[in-house]
Protein backbone atom coordinates (compact mmCIF):
# COMPACT_ATOMS: atom_id res chain seq x y z
CA UNK A 1 -30.37 34.90 -56.48
CA UNK A 2 -28.42 35.14 -53.27
CA UNK A 3 -30.14 35.43 -49.92
CA UNK A 4 -29.17 38.39 -47.78
CA UNK A 5 -30.16 36.54 -44.60
CA UNK A 6 -27.70 34.15 -43.08
CA UNK A 7 -29.36 31.26 -41.28
CA UNK A 8 -27.54 29.56 -38.46
CA UNK A 9 -28.38 27.63 -35.32
CA UNK A 10 -27.64 29.42 -32.06
CA UNK A 11 -28.15 27.13 -29.05
CA UNK A 12 -28.09 30.07 -26.61
CA UNK A 13 -31.04 31.69 -28.37
CA UNK A 14 -32.99 28.44 -28.10
CA UNK A 15 -32.04 28.19 -24.42
CA UNK A 16 -33.29 31.75 -23.77
CA UNK A 17 -36.52 30.99 -25.61
CA UNK A 18 -37.04 27.89 -23.47
CA UNK A 19 -36.78 29.93 -20.26
CA UNK A 20 -38.90 32.76 -21.63
CA UNK A 21 -41.68 30.33 -22.54
CA UNK A 22 -41.50 28.65 -19.13
CA UNK A 23 -41.69 31.97 -17.27
CA UNK A 24 -44.54 33.33 -19.38
CA UNK A 25 -46.53 30.16 -18.75
CA UNK A 26 -45.76 30.31 -15.02
CA UNK A 27 -46.67 33.99 -14.63
CA UNK A 28 -49.90 33.99 -16.63
CA UNK A 29 -53.09 34.33 -14.62
CA UNK A 30 -55.93 31.82 -14.82
CA UNK A 31 -57.87 34.32 -16.98
CA UNK A 32 -55.07 34.16 -19.55
CA UNK A 33 -54.85 30.36 -19.34
CA UNK A 34 -58.32 28.83 -19.53
CA UNK A 35 -56.94 25.33 -18.87
CA UNK A 36 -55.71 26.38 -15.41
CA UNK A 37 -58.21 26.43 -12.55
CA UNK A 38 -57.07 28.59 -9.66
CA UNK A 39 -59.91 29.43 -7.28
CA UNK A 40 -60.16 32.93 -5.89
CA UNK A 41 -59.26 33.27 -2.25
CA UNK A 42 -59.98 36.02 0.27
CA UNK A 43 -58.42 36.04 3.74
CA UNK A 44 -59.93 38.29 6.41
CA UNK A 45 -58.71 38.75 9.97
CA UNK A 46 -61.19 39.77 12.67
CA UNK A 47 -59.57 41.62 15.55
CA UNK A 48 -62.76 41.38 17.65
CA UNK A 49 -63.13 37.59 17.58
CA UNK A 50 -59.45 36.66 17.07
CA UNK A 51 -60.49 34.54 14.07
CA UNK A 52 -59.06 34.37 10.53
CA UNK A 53 -61.53 33.50 7.77
CA UNK A 54 -60.38 32.23 4.37
CA UNK A 55 -63.01 32.11 1.63
CA UNK A 56 -62.54 30.13 -1.60
CA UNK A 57 -64.78 30.44 -4.68
CA UNK A 58 -65.34 26.92 -6.02
CA UNK A 59 -68.30 27.14 -8.44
CA UNK A 60 -69.91 23.85 -9.37
CA UNK A 61 -67.88 21.86 -6.86
CA UNK A 62 -69.16 19.76 -3.97
CA UNK A 63 -67.48 18.98 -0.64
CA UNK A 64 -66.61 15.52 -2.02
CA UNK A 65 -64.43 17.19 -4.71
CA UNK A 66 -62.29 19.00 -2.12
CA UNK A 67 -59.71 17.91 0.45
CA UNK A 68 -58.51 20.04 3.35
CA UNK A 69 -55.27 19.05 5.07
CA UNK A 70 -53.32 20.56 7.96
CA UNK A 71 -49.65 19.59 8.03
CA UNK A 72 -46.72 21.39 9.70
CA UNK A 73 -48.77 24.55 10.35
CA UNK A 74 -49.94 24.74 6.74
CA UNK A 75 -53.53 24.53 5.60
CA UNK A 76 -53.86 23.08 2.11
CA UNK A 77 -57.10 23.17 0.12
CA UNK A 78 -56.94 20.88 -2.92
CA UNK A 79 -59.37 19.41 -5.35
CA UNK A 80 -60.27 18.69 -8.92
CA UNK A 81 -62.74 20.73 -10.94
CA UNK A 82 -64.64 18.80 -13.60
CA UNK A 83 -67.02 20.27 -16.11
CA UNK A 84 -68.97 18.44 -18.75
CA UNK A 85 -71.37 19.89 -21.30
CA UNK A 86 -73.31 18.17 -24.03
CA UNK A 87 -75.92 19.31 -26.49
CA UNK A 88 -77.34 18.22 -29.80
CA UNK A 89 -77.27 20.56 -32.73
CA UNK A 90 -78.22 19.94 -36.35
CA UNK A 91 -78.08 16.17 -36.02
CA UNK A 92 -74.72 16.28 -34.25
CA UNK A 93 -74.05 15.55 -30.63
CA UNK A 94 -71.47 17.85 -29.06
CA UNK A 95 -69.78 16.88 -25.78
CA UNK A 96 -67.16 19.02 -24.12
CA UNK A 97 -65.28 18.06 -21.00
CA UNK A 98 -62.65 19.87 -19.02
CA UNK A 99 -60.96 19.19 -15.73
CA UNK A 100 -58.08 20.48 -13.71
CA UNK A 101 -56.62 20.11 -10.27
CA UNK A 102 -55.81 22.95 -7.92
CA UNK A 103 -54.10 23.46 -4.61
CA UNK A 104 -53.91 26.54 -2.36
CA UNK A 105 -51.83 26.66 0.83
CA UNK A 106 -52.04 29.08 3.77
CA UNK A 107 -49.54 29.35 6.60
CA UNK A 108 -51.28 28.83 9.95
CA UNK A 109 -50.22 30.33 13.29
CA UNK A 110 -47.67 28.11 15.05
CA UNK A 111 -49.84 26.52 17.75
CA UNK A 112 -52.93 25.89 15.59
CA UNK A 113 -54.32 22.38 16.08
CA UNK A 114 -56.21 20.63 13.26
CA UNK A 115 -59.29 20.56 15.53
CA UNK A 116 -59.20 24.39 15.63
CA UNK A 117 -59.76 24.59 11.85
CA UNK A 118 -63.43 24.63 10.80
CA UNK A 119 -64.78 24.43 7.25
CA UNK A 120 -68.19 24.75 5.65
CA UNK A 121 -69.38 24.97 2.07
CA UNK A 122 -72.42 26.79 0.80
CA UNK A 123 -73.41 27.65 -2.79
CA UNK A 124 -69.93 26.93 -4.19
CA UNK A 125 -68.15 29.02 -1.56
CA UNK A 126 -65.85 27.24 0.89
CA UNK A 127 -65.29 29.10 4.18
CA UNK A 128 -62.43 27.99 6.43
CA UNK A 129 -61.90 29.57 9.86
CA UNK A 130 -59.09 29.22 12.38
CA UNK A 131 -57.84 31.19 15.39
CA UNK A 132 -55.16 33.77 14.76
CA UNK A 133 -51.94 33.84 16.73
CA UNK A 134 -52.23 35.07 20.28
CA UNK A 135 -49.77 37.70 21.55
CA UNK A 136 -47.67 35.08 23.32
CA UNK A 137 -47.34 33.09 20.04
CA UNK A 138 -46.19 36.06 17.96
CA UNK A 139 -42.55 36.87 17.41
CA UNK A 140 -40.91 39.06 19.99
CA UNK A 141 -37.96 41.32 19.39
CA UNK A 142 -34.86 40.75 21.52
CA UNK A 143 -32.59 43.70 22.24
CA UNK A 144 -28.88 43.27 21.83
CA UNK A 145 -26.76 44.29 24.83
């Protein structure tokens, strides 16, 4: 019996598949990839107090698990989430562990000093505040003559 399908190796097809797989993995959300921990972040600007507040949901984490760095006008929140569960069932002991690192970066206004950034953590929610750019720090348009 002769096969109607002709099998051959096409390196370009494999190359396309490699990029497709890489992009799908990169573009998936944390809900689609349970091994990826990406904390939710909300950023709110208050016009009355001239303060920007960034809120991060970090359930089960403590301040010791998190680092906050300010470098070149960028605020970086990083840490490692660890979860461990164990229970005994039917004479068997079941232990499950998972962990994953995360990092979120926010651009700060140009003249923000590290001392201007304040952080507090309460009930797994990290709140970071910093002053927003003043009018003299914001970009100004120059007219062409």
